[in-house]
Protein backbone atom coordinates (compact mmCIF):
# COMPACT_ATOMS: atom_id res chain seq x y z
CA MET A 1 -0.30 42.02 -19.45
CA GLU A 2 2.80 40.58 -21.10
CA ALA A 3 3.03 36.93 -22.08
CA ARG A 4 6.00 34.92 -20.91
CA LYS A 5 8.44 33.64 -23.48
CA ARG A 6 8.30 29.89 -23.89
CA LYS A 7 11.40 27.97 -22.79
CA GLU A 8 13.17 25.89 -25.40
CA ALA A 9 12.41 22.18 -25.38
CA PRO A 10 15.25 19.78 -24.56
CA THR A 11 17.13 18.23 -27.47
CA VAL A 12 16.59 14.45 -27.37
CA SER A 13 18.99 11.95 -28.90
CA CYS A 14 19.36 8.20 -29.06
CA THR A 15 22.71 7.39 -27.45
CA SER A 16 22.75 3.63 -28.05
CA ASN A 17 20.50 0.89 -29.30
CA PHE A 18 20.56 -2.86 -28.89
CA PRO A 19 18.17 -5.61 -30.03
CA THR A 20 16.24 -5.40 -26.75
CA SER A 21 16.87 -1.84 -25.49
CA ILE A 22 17.35 1.80 -26.50
CA ASP A 23 19.05 4.56 -24.51
CA PHE A 24 17.88 8.17 -24.80
CA SER A 25 19.52 11.33 -23.52
CA TRP A 26 18.38 14.95 -23.55
CA SER A 27 19.79 18.37 -22.83
CA SER A 28 19.07 19.88 -19.45
CA ILE A 29 16.81 22.91 -19.24
CA THR A 30 17.05 25.57 -16.56
CA ALA A 31 14.43 26.18 -13.90
CA HIS A 32 12.72 22.80 -14.11
CA SER A 33 11.31 20.82 -11.21
CA GLY A 34 12.06 17.39 -12.65
CA TYR A 35 11.58 15.37 -15.82
CA GLN A 36 9.08 12.75 -16.90
CA VAL A 37 9.13 10.64 -20.04
CA SER A 38 6.49 8.95 -22.15
CA ILE A 39 7.00 6.18 -24.70
CA ASP A 40 3.31 5.88 -25.62
CA SER A 41 2.54 9.34 -27.02
CA GLY A 42 1.71 10.85 -23.64
CA VAL A 43 -0.83 8.28 -22.46
CA THR A 44 1.35 7.44 -19.44
CA TRP A 45 4.30 9.26 -17.91
CA LEU A 46 7.28 7.79 -16.04
CA THR A 47 10.24 9.05 -14.05
CA PRO A 48 13.37 8.64 -16.20
CA SER A 49 15.50 5.61 -15.39
CA SER A 50 18.25 8.06 -14.31
CA GLY A 51 15.90 9.64 -11.73
CA GLY A 52 13.57 12.63 -11.71
CA GLN A 53 16.42 15.12 -12.15
CA GLY A 54 18.29 12.88 -14.60
CA THR A 55 18.67 13.38 -18.33
CA GLU A 56 18.77 9.75 -19.51
CA HIS A 57 16.25 6.96 -19.95
CA LYS A 58 16.65 3.33 -20.99
CA VAL A 59 13.74 1.53 -22.66
CA THR A 60 14.11 -2.23 -22.14
CA GLU A 61 12.41 -5.51 -22.97
CA LEU A 62 11.89 -4.56 -26.60
CA LYS A 63 10.94 -7.01 -29.33
CA PRO A 64 12.09 -6.67 -32.97
CA GLN A 65 8.65 -5.46 -34.10
CA ASP A 66 8.39 -2.74 -31.37
CA SER A 67 8.38 0.94 -32.29
CA ILE A 68 9.20 3.65 -29.74
CA THR A 69 8.08 7.28 -29.84
CA PHE A 70 9.88 9.17 -27.11
């Protein structure tokens, strides 16, 4: 039995940041069935703000002391 090669992970970047929000974008990967994002280390998962097939997500309602791990 031969193991499958692991697909490369998307490259994530911060595209803009404001005092109360941050925008993230990532590269598309082939043969996926949709994306989900987590901003709490994988405790909960959300559909990206650009939709399940989208490659962008906006985190809003931030406070100055907030830290985001995407």
